[in-house]
Amino acid sequence: MPAVTEGRPSAHPLRRTAAGPVLAAGTAAAAVGLLQVVDPTESGHLPTCPFLALTGWYCPGCGSLRMLHHLGEGDVVGASAMNPLALLMVPVLVAGWAVWTRRVLTGRSRRAPLPGWVVWAFLAVVIGFGVVRNLPAMGLLAPG
């Protein structure tokens, strides 16, 4: 019988701990599903990137919605043309979600499993990608 707190039974421990990963997976699936219905490759459906609108430069995330749209259709080549860095991050994010889910379900610490230097290195890669994709010689990195 579940524990009673102030006259109400508490939530089952598995439901309480798995809520975060389940909510994250559901939100991601809904977002990718929405991008199959609202085609970001057609103008007028989604707003322009504010960074691009203000500066005329592509931010590191420019093309990510179109990349997810193409990936949702199974077009990996088209996805890589939109934002190759974001495409490379998809398996990393899925692996991170799996590690998070395992840690939550096994009751391990919820502390971030990554050392600080990894976060700083990732930030440097993202900023570097944002700079390099705007160089005239690197037009292949610009969203198609």
N, C-alpha and C. Protein backbone atom coordinates (compact mmCIF):
# COMPACT_ATOMS: atom_id res chain seq x y z
N MET A 1 0.85 -1.18 0.00
CA MET A 1 0.00 0.00 0.00
C MET A 1 0.89 1.25 0.00
N PRO A 2 0.59 2.25 -0.86
CA PRO A 2 1.41 3.45 -0.93
C PRO A 2 1.36 4.24 0.37
N ALA A 3 2.46 4.97 0.62
CA ALA A 3 2.52 5.81 1.81
C ALA A 3 1.49 6.93 1.71
N VAL A 4 0.96 7.32 2.85
CA VAL A 4 -0.05 8.37 2.88
C VAL A 4 0.59 9.63 3.44
N THR A 5 0.42 10.74 2.70
CA THR A 5 0.93 12.03 3.13
C THR A 5 -0.24 13.00 3.19
N GLU A 6 -0.53 13.50 4.36
CA GLU A 6 -1.62 14.45 4.59
C GLU A 6 -2.95 13.94 4.01
N GLY A 7 -3.22 12.67 4.22
CA GLY A 7 -4.49 12.12 3.80
C GLY A 7 -4.55 11.67 2.36
N ARG A 8 -3.46 11.89 1.57
CA ARG A 8 -3.46 11.47 0.17
C ARG A 8 -2.33 10.47 -0.04
N PRO A 9 -2.60 9.44 -0.85
CA PRO A 9 -1.50 8.52 -1.15
C PRO A 9 -0.47 9.21 -2.03
N SER A 10 0.81 8.93 -1.78
CA SER A 10 1.86 9.53 -2.60
C SER A 10 1.97 8.79 -3.91
N ALA A 11 2.56 9.45 -4.89
CA ALA A 11 2.71 8.85 -6.21
C ALA A 11 3.65 7.67 -6.14
N HIS A 12 3.45 6.72 -7.02
CA HIS A 12 4.33 5.56 -7.10
C HIS A 12 5.74 6.06 -7.39
N PRO A 13 6.77 5.52 -6.72
CA PRO A 13 8.14 6.04 -6.92
C PRO A 13 8.60 5.99 -8.37
N LEU A 14 8.24 4.94 -9.12
CA LEU A 14 8.67 4.85 -10.51
C LEU A 14 8.05 5.97 -11.34
N ARG A 15 6.76 6.25 -11.13
CA ARG A 15 6.11 7.33 -11.87
C ARG A 15 6.73 8.68 -11.53
N ARG A 16 7.04 8.88 -10.25
CA ARG A 16 7.59 10.15 -9.82
C ARG A 16 8.98 10.37 -10.42
N THR A 17 9.81 9.34 -10.45
CA THR A 17 11.17 9.52 -10.93
C THR A 17 11.25 9.51 -12.46
N ALA A 18 10.40 8.76 -13.12
CA ALA A 18 10.46 8.66 -14.57
C ALA A 18 9.76 9.81 -15.27
N ALA A 19 9.11 10.67 -14.53
CA ALA A 19 8.33 11.75 -15.14
C ALA A 19 9.20 12.67 -16.00
N GLY A 20 10.37 13.04 -15.53
CA GLY A 20 11.24 13.95 -16.29
C GLY A 20 11.66 13.38 -17.64
N PRO A 21 12.27 12.18 -17.67
CA PRO A 21 12.66 11.61 -18.96
C PRO A 21 11.47 11.34 -19.89
N VAL A 22 10.35 10.90 -19.33
CA VAL A 22 9.17 10.64 -20.16
C VAL A 22 8.64 11.94 -20.74
N LEU A 23 8.59 12.99 -19.94
CA LEU A 23 8.14 14.30 -20.42
C LEU A 23 9.08 14.84 -21.49
N ALA A 24 10.39 14.69 -21.29
CA ALA A 24 11.36 15.16 -22.28
C ALA A 24 11.22 14.40 -23.60
N ALA A 25 11.06 13.08 -23.53
CA ALA A 25 10.90 12.28 -24.75
C ALA A 25 9.60 12.63 -25.46
N GLY A 26 8.53 12.82 -24.71
CA GLY A 26 7.26 13.18 -25.31
C GLY A 26 7.30 14.54 -25.96
N THR A 27 7.96 15.49 -25.32
CA THR A 27 8.09 16.84 -25.88
C THR A 27 8.91 16.81 -27.17
N ALA A 28 10.01 16.06 -27.16
CA ALA A 28 10.84 15.95 -28.36
C ALA A 28 10.07 15.30 -29.50
N ALA A 29 9.35 14.23 -29.20
CA ALA A 29 8.56 13.55 -30.23
C ALA A 29 7.47 14.46 -30.78
N ALA A 30 6.83 15.23 -29.91
CA ALA A 30 5.79 16.16 -30.37
C ALA A 30 6.39 17.26 -31.24
N ALA A 31 7.58 17.75 -30.88
CA ALA A 31 8.22 18.80 -31.67
C ALA A 31 8.59 18.29 -33.06
N VAL A 32 9.16 17.09 -33.13
CA VAL A 32 9.52 16.53 -34.44
C VAL A 32 8.25 16.25 -35.24
N GLY A 33 7.21 15.77 -34.57
CA GLY A 33 5.94 15.55 -35.26
C GLY A 33 5.35 16.84 -35.80
N LEU A 34 5.43 17.91 -35.02
CA LEU A 34 4.93 19.21 -35.47
C LEU A 34 5.71 19.69 -36.69
N LEU A 35 7.02 19.42 -36.70
CA LEU A 35 7.83 19.85 -37.84
C LEU A 35 7.53 19.04 -39.10
N GLN A 36 6.83 17.94 -38.96
CA GLN A 36 6.39 17.20 -40.14
C GLN A 36 5.09 17.79 -40.69
N VAL A 37 4.33 18.43 -39.81
CA VAL A 37 3.06 19.04 -40.22
C VAL A 37 3.29 20.48 -40.69
N VAL A 38 4.04 21.25 -39.92
CA VAL A 38 4.36 22.64 -40.26
C VAL A 38 5.76 22.62 -40.87
N ASP A 39 5.83 22.65 -42.17
CA ASP A 39 7.09 22.52 -42.90
C ASP A 39 7.93 23.78 -42.75
N PRO A 40 9.06 23.71 -42.03
CA PRO A 40 9.90 24.91 -41.86
C PRO A 40 10.66 25.29 -43.12
N THR A 41 10.62 24.43 -44.15
CA THR A 41 11.30 24.79 -45.40
C THR A 41 10.47 25.75 -46.24
N GLU A 42 9.19 25.89 -45.91
CA GLU A 42 8.33 26.84 -46.61
C GLU A 42 8.32 28.16 -45.85
N SER A 43 8.53 29.26 -46.56
CA SER A 43 8.59 30.56 -45.89
C SER A 43 7.22 30.94 -45.34
N GLY A 44 7.25 31.67 -44.24
CA GLY A 44 6.03 32.17 -43.63
C GLY A 44 5.46 31.28 -42.53
N HIS A 45 5.92 30.05 -42.42
CA HIS A 45 5.39 29.16 -41.38
C HIS A 45 6.01 29.43 -40.01
N LEU A 46 7.28 29.73 -40.00
CA LEU A 46 7.98 29.99 -38.74
C LEU A 46 8.75 31.30 -38.85
N PRO A 47 8.97 31.98 -37.74
CA PRO A 47 9.69 33.25 -37.81
C PRO A 47 11.16 33.05 -38.18
N THR A 48 11.75 34.11 -38.72
CA THR A 48 13.17 34.09 -39.05
C THR A 48 13.99 34.11 -37.77
N CYS A 49 15.17 33.52 -37.83
CA CYS A 49 16.09 33.54 -36.69
C CYS A 49 16.37 35.00 -36.32
N PRO A 50 16.18 35.38 -35.06
CA PRO A 50 16.41 36.78 -34.67
C PRO A 50 17.87 37.21 -34.88
N PHE A 51 18.82 36.30 -34.62
CA PHE A 51 20.23 36.64 -34.82
C PHE A 51 20.51 36.92 -36.30
N LEU A 52 19.95 36.08 -37.18
CA LEU A 52 20.12 36.29 -38.62
C LEU A 52 19.45 37.58 -39.06
N ALA A 53 18.27 37.85 -38.53
CA ALA A 53 17.54 39.07 -38.91
C ALA A 53 18.29 40.33 -38.47
N LEU A 54 18.93 40.28 -37.31
CA LEU A 54 19.63 41.47 -36.79
C LEU A 54 21.01 41.67 -37.38
N THR A 55 21.73 40.56 -37.63
CA THR A 55 23.13 40.68 -38.04
C THR A 55 23.40 40.28 -39.48
N GLY A 56 22.52 39.47 -40.06
CA GLY A 56 22.79 38.94 -41.40
C GLY A 56 23.70 37.73 -41.38
N TRP A 57 24.08 37.29 -40.19
CA TRP A 57 24.95 36.11 -40.04
C TRP A 57 24.13 34.93 -39.54
N TYR A 58 24.58 33.73 -39.91
CA TYR A 58 23.93 32.52 -39.42
C TYR A 58 24.42 32.22 -38.01
N CYS A 59 23.50 31.95 -37.12
CA CYS A 59 23.89 31.53 -35.77
C CYS A 59 24.19 30.03 -35.81
N PRO A 60 24.79 29.46 -34.77
CA PRO A 60 25.08 28.03 -34.78
C PRO A 60 23.83 27.15 -34.91
N GLY A 61 22.67 27.69 -34.56
CA GLY A 61 21.44 26.90 -34.63
C GLY A 61 20.65 27.10 -35.90
N CYS A 62 21.04 28.05 -36.75
CA CYS A 62 20.29 28.29 -37.99
C CYS A 62 20.23 27.01 -38.82
N GLY A 63 19.04 26.68 -39.25
CA GLY A 63 18.83 25.49 -40.05
C GLY A 63 18.46 24.26 -39.23
N SER A 64 18.45 24.38 -37.90
CA SER A 64 18.16 23.21 -37.06
C SER A 64 16.74 22.70 -37.23
N LEU A 65 15.76 23.59 -37.35
CA LEU A 65 14.38 23.14 -37.54
C LEU A 65 14.23 22.44 -38.88
N ARG A 66 14.86 22.99 -39.92
CA ARG A 66 14.81 22.33 -41.23
C ARG A 66 15.56 21.00 -41.20
N MET A 67 16.66 20.95 -40.42
CA MET A 67 17.40 19.70 -40.26
C MET A 67 16.52 18.64 -39.61
N LEU A 68 15.80 19.02 -38.55
CA LEU A 68 14.91 18.06 -37.89
C LEU A 68 13.76 17.63 -38.81
N HIS A 69 13.28 18.55 -39.63
CA HIS A 69 12.23 18.22 -40.59
C HIS A 69 12.74 17.15 -41.57
N HIS A 70 13.91 17.39 -42.15
CA HIS A 70 14.48 16.43 -43.09
C HIS A 70 14.79 15.10 -42.40
N LEU A 71 15.32 15.16 -41.20
CA LEU A 71 15.64 13.94 -40.46
C LEU A 71 14.38 13.15 -40.16
N GLY A 72 13.29 13.85 -39.82
CA GLY A 72 12.02 13.18 -39.57
C GLY A 72 11.47 12.49 -40.81
N GLU A 73 11.86 12.98 -41.98
CA GLU A 73 11.45 12.34 -43.23
C GLU A 73 12.43 11.25 -43.67
N GLY A 74 13.52 11.09 -42.89
CA GLY A 74 14.51 10.07 -43.23
C GLY A 74 15.56 10.55 -44.22
N ASP A 75 15.60 11.84 -44.50
CA ASP A 75 16.55 12.41 -45.46
C ASP A 75 17.78 12.93 -44.71
N VAL A 76 18.75 12.04 -44.48
CA VAL A 76 19.94 12.41 -43.71
C VAL A 76 20.82 13.37 -44.50
N VAL A 77 20.90 13.21 -45.82
CA VAL A 77 21.71 14.11 -46.64
C VAL A 77 21.13 15.51 -46.61
N GLY A 78 19.82 15.62 -46.76
CA GLY A 78 19.17 16.94 -46.68
C GLY A 78 19.32 17.55 -45.29
N ALA A 79 19.26 16.71 -44.26
CA ALA A 79 19.44 17.19 -42.89
C ALA A 79 20.84 17.73 -42.68
N SER A 80 21.84 17.04 -43.22
CA SER A 80 23.22 17.50 -43.03
C SER A 80 23.48 18.80 -43.78
N ALA A 81 22.74 19.05 -44.84
CA ALA A 81 22.91 20.31 -45.57
C ALA A 81 22.35 21.50 -44.79
N MET A 82 21.41 21.26 -43.90
CA MET A 82 20.80 22.34 -43.14
C MET A 82 21.64 22.77 -41.94
N ASN A 83 22.11 21.80 -41.15
CA ASN A 83 22.94 22.11 -39.99
C ASN A 83 23.69 20.84 -39.58
N PRO A 84 24.92 20.67 -40.09
CA PRO A 84 25.66 19.44 -39.78
C PRO A 84 25.99 19.28 -38.30
N LEU A 85 26.25 20.37 -37.60
CA LEU A 85 26.56 20.25 -36.17
C LEU A 85 25.34 19.76 -35.39
N ALA A 86 24.19 20.30 -35.69
CA ALA A 86 22.97 19.87 -35.00
C ALA A 86 22.67 18.40 -35.32
N LEU A 87 22.93 17.99 -36.55
CA LEU A 87 22.73 16.58 -36.92
C LEU A 87 23.66 15.68 -36.12
N LEU A 88 24.91 16.10 -35.94
CA LEU A 88 25.85 15.31 -35.14
C LEU A 88 25.45 15.26 -33.67
N MET A 89 24.72 16.28 -33.21
CA MET A 89 24.31 16.33 -31.80
C MET A 89 23.10 15.45 -31.50
N VAL A 90 22.33 15.05 -32.51
CA VAL A 90 21.14 14.23 -32.26
C VAL A 90 21.50 12.93 -31.52
N PRO A 91 22.49 12.13 -32.00
CA PRO A 91 22.82 10.92 -31.24
C PRO A 91 23.38 11.22 -29.86
N VAL A 92 24.09 12.33 -29.72
CA VAL A 92 24.64 12.70 -28.41
C VAL A 92 23.49 13.02 -27.45
N LEU A 93 22.49 13.74 -27.93
CA LEU A 93 21.33 14.06 -27.09
C LEU A 93 20.54 12.81 -26.73
N VAL A 94 20.38 11.89 -27.68
CA VAL A 94 19.66 10.64 -27.39
C VAL A 94 20.43 9.83 -26.35
N ALA A 95 21.75 9.76 -26.49
CA ALA A 95 22.57 9.03 -25.51
C ALA A 95 22.48 9.70 -24.14
N GLY A 96 22.52 11.03 -24.12
CA GLY A 96 22.38 11.75 -22.85
C GLY A 96 21.04 11.50 -22.19
N TRP A 97 19.99 11.44 -23.01
CA TRP A 97 18.67 11.13 -22.48
C TRP A 97 18.65 9.71 -21.90
N ALA A 98 19.28 8.77 -22.58
CA ALA A 98 19.31 7.38 -22.10
C ALA A 98 20.07 7.28 -20.77
N VAL A 99 21.18 7.99 -20.66
CA VAL A 99 21.95 8.00 -19.41
C VAL A 99 21.12 8.62 -18.30
N TRP A 100 20.46 9.73 -18.59
CA TRP A 100 19.60 10.39 -17.60
C TRP A 100 18.51 9.45 -17.14
N THR A 101 17.84 8.79 -18.09
CA THR A 101 16.76 7.86 -17.75
C THR A 101 17.27 6.73 -16.88
N ARG A 102 18.40 6.16 -17.24
CA ARG A 102 18.97 5.06 -16.44
C ARG A 102 19.31 5.54 -15.03
N ARG A 103 19.91 6.73 -14.92
CA ARG A 103 20.28 7.25 -13.60
C ARG A 103 19.04 7.50 -12.74
N VAL A 104 17.99 8.00 -13.35
CA VAL A 104 16.76 8.28 -12.61
C VAL A 104 16.11 6.97 -12.16
N LEU A 105 16.03 6.00 -13.06
CA LEU A 105 15.35 4.75 -12.73
C LEU A 105 16.12 3.89 -11.74
N THR A 106 17.44 4.03 -11.72
CA THR A 106 18.24 3.26 -10.76
C THR A 106 18.45 4.01 -9.45
N GLY A 107 17.96 5.24 -9.36
CA GLY A 107 18.06 6.01 -8.13
C GLY A 107 19.42 6.62 -7.89
N ARG A 108 20.24 6.69 -8.92
CA ARG A 108 21.56 7.31 -8.77
C ARG A 108 21.41 8.83 -8.69
N SER A 109 22.48 9.48 -8.34
CA SER A 109 22.49 10.93 -8.19
C SER A 109 21.99 11.61 -9.46
N ARG A 110 21.28 12.70 -9.30
CA ARG A 110 20.80 13.48 -10.45
C ARG A 110 21.81 14.53 -10.86
N ARG A 111 22.97 14.50 -10.23
CA ARG A 111 24.03 15.45 -10.56
C ARG A 111 24.44 15.28 -12.02
N ALA A 112 24.84 16.36 -12.65
CA ALA A 112 25.26 16.30 -14.05
C ALA A 112 26.44 15.34 -14.18
N PRO A 113 26.36 14.36 -15.10
CA PRO A 113 27.42 13.38 -15.23
C PRO A 113 28.63 13.88 -16.02
N LEU A 114 28.57 15.09 -16.56
CA LEU A 114 29.67 15.60 -17.37
C LEU A 114 30.59 16.50 -16.55
N PRO A 115 31.90 16.35 -16.74
CA PRO A 115 32.82 17.29 -16.10
C PRO A 115 32.71 18.67 -16.74
N GLY A 116 33.10 19.67 -16.01
CA GLY A 116 32.98 21.04 -16.49
C GLY A 116 33.71 21.31 -17.79
N TRP A 117 34.88 20.69 -17.97
CA TRP A 117 35.66 20.96 -19.18
C TRP A 117 34.91 20.49 -20.43
N VAL A 118 34.08 19.47 -20.31
CA VAL A 118 33.31 18.99 -21.46
C VAL A 118 32.29 20.04 -21.88
N VAL A 119 31.66 20.64 -20.91
CA VAL A 119 30.67 21.69 -21.20
C VAL A 119 31.37 22.88 -21.88
N TRP A 120 32.53 23.29 -21.36
CA TRP A 120 33.26 24.41 -21.96
C TRP A 120 33.76 24.06 -23.36
N ALA A 121 34.21 22.82 -23.56
CA ALA A 121 34.66 22.40 -24.89
C ALA A 121 33.50 22.41 -25.88
N PHE A 122 32.33 21.95 -25.43
CA PHE A 122 31.15 21.97 -26.29
C PHE A 122 30.79 23.41 -26.66
N LEU A 123 30.82 24.30 -25.69
CA LEU A 123 30.52 25.71 -25.96
C LEU A 123 31.51 26.29 -26.98
N ALA A 124 32.79 25.93 -26.86
CA ALA A 124 33.80 26.40 -27.82
C ALA A 124 33.52 25.86 -29.22
N VAL A 125 33.10 24.61 -29.32
CA VAL A 125 32.78 24.02 -30.63
C VAL A 125 31.59 24.74 -31.25
N VAL A 126 30.56 25.01 -30.46
CA VAL A 126 29.37 25.69 -30.98
C VAL A 126 29.71 27.10 -31.46
N ILE A 127 30.47 27.83 -30.67
CA ILE A 127 30.86 29.19 -31.07
C ILE A 127 31.75 29.14 -32.30
N GLY A 128 32.71 28.21 -32.31
CA GLY A 128 33.59 28.06 -33.47
C GLY A 128 32.81 27.72 -34.73
N PHE A 129 31.83 26.82 -34.61
CA PHE A 129 30.98 26.48 -35.76
C PHE A 129 30.22 27.70 -36.25
N GLY A 130 29.72 28.50 -35.31
CA GLY A 130 28.99 29.72 -35.68
C GLY A 130 29.86 30.70 -36.44
N VAL A 131 31.13 30.79 -36.06
CA VAL A 131 32.05 31.70 -36.76
C VAL A 131 32.42 31.13 -38.13
N VAL A 132 32.82 29.85 -38.16
CA VAL A 132 33.31 29.25 -39.39
C VAL A 132 32.22 29.18 -40.46
N ARG A 133 30.97 28.92 -40.08
CA ARG A 133 29.91 28.79 -41.09
C ARG A 133 29.59 30.12 -41.77
N ASN A 134 30.07 31.24 -41.21
CA ASN A 134 29.85 32.54 -41.82
C ASN A 134 31.03 33.02 -42.64
N LEU A 135 32.10 32.27 -42.69
CA LEU A 135 33.25 32.64 -43.52
C LEU A 135 32.91 32.39 -44.98
N PRO A 136 33.31 33.29 -45.87
CA PRO A 136 32.98 33.12 -47.29
C PRO A 136 33.46 31.79 -47.86
N ALA A 137 34.62 31.31 -47.43
CA ALA A 137 35.15 30.07 -47.96
C ALA A 137 34.43 28.83 -47.45
N MET A 138 33.58 28.98 -46.43
CA MET A 138 32.90 27.84 -45.82
C MET A 138 31.40 27.87 -46.11
N GLY A 139 31.03 28.24 -47.32
CA GLY A 139 29.63 28.34 -47.70
C GLY A 139 28.87 27.02 -47.57
N LEU A 140 29.59 25.90 -47.59
CA LEU A 140 28.92 24.60 -47.44
C LEU A 140 28.29 24.43 -46.06
N LEU A 141 28.76 25.17 -45.07
CA LEU A 141 28.20 25.06 -43.72
C LEU A 141 26.98 25.94 -43.51
N ALA A 142 26.70 26.83 -44.46
CA ALA A 142 25.52 27.68 -44.37
C ALA A 142 24.28 26.82 -44.64
N PRO A 143 23.16 27.12 -43.96
CA PRO A 143 21.95 26.35 -44.21
C PRO A 143 21.55 26.40 -45.67
N GLY A 144 21.24 25.21 -46.23
CA GLY A 144 20.88 25.11 -47.65
C GLY A 144 19.60 25.74 -47.90
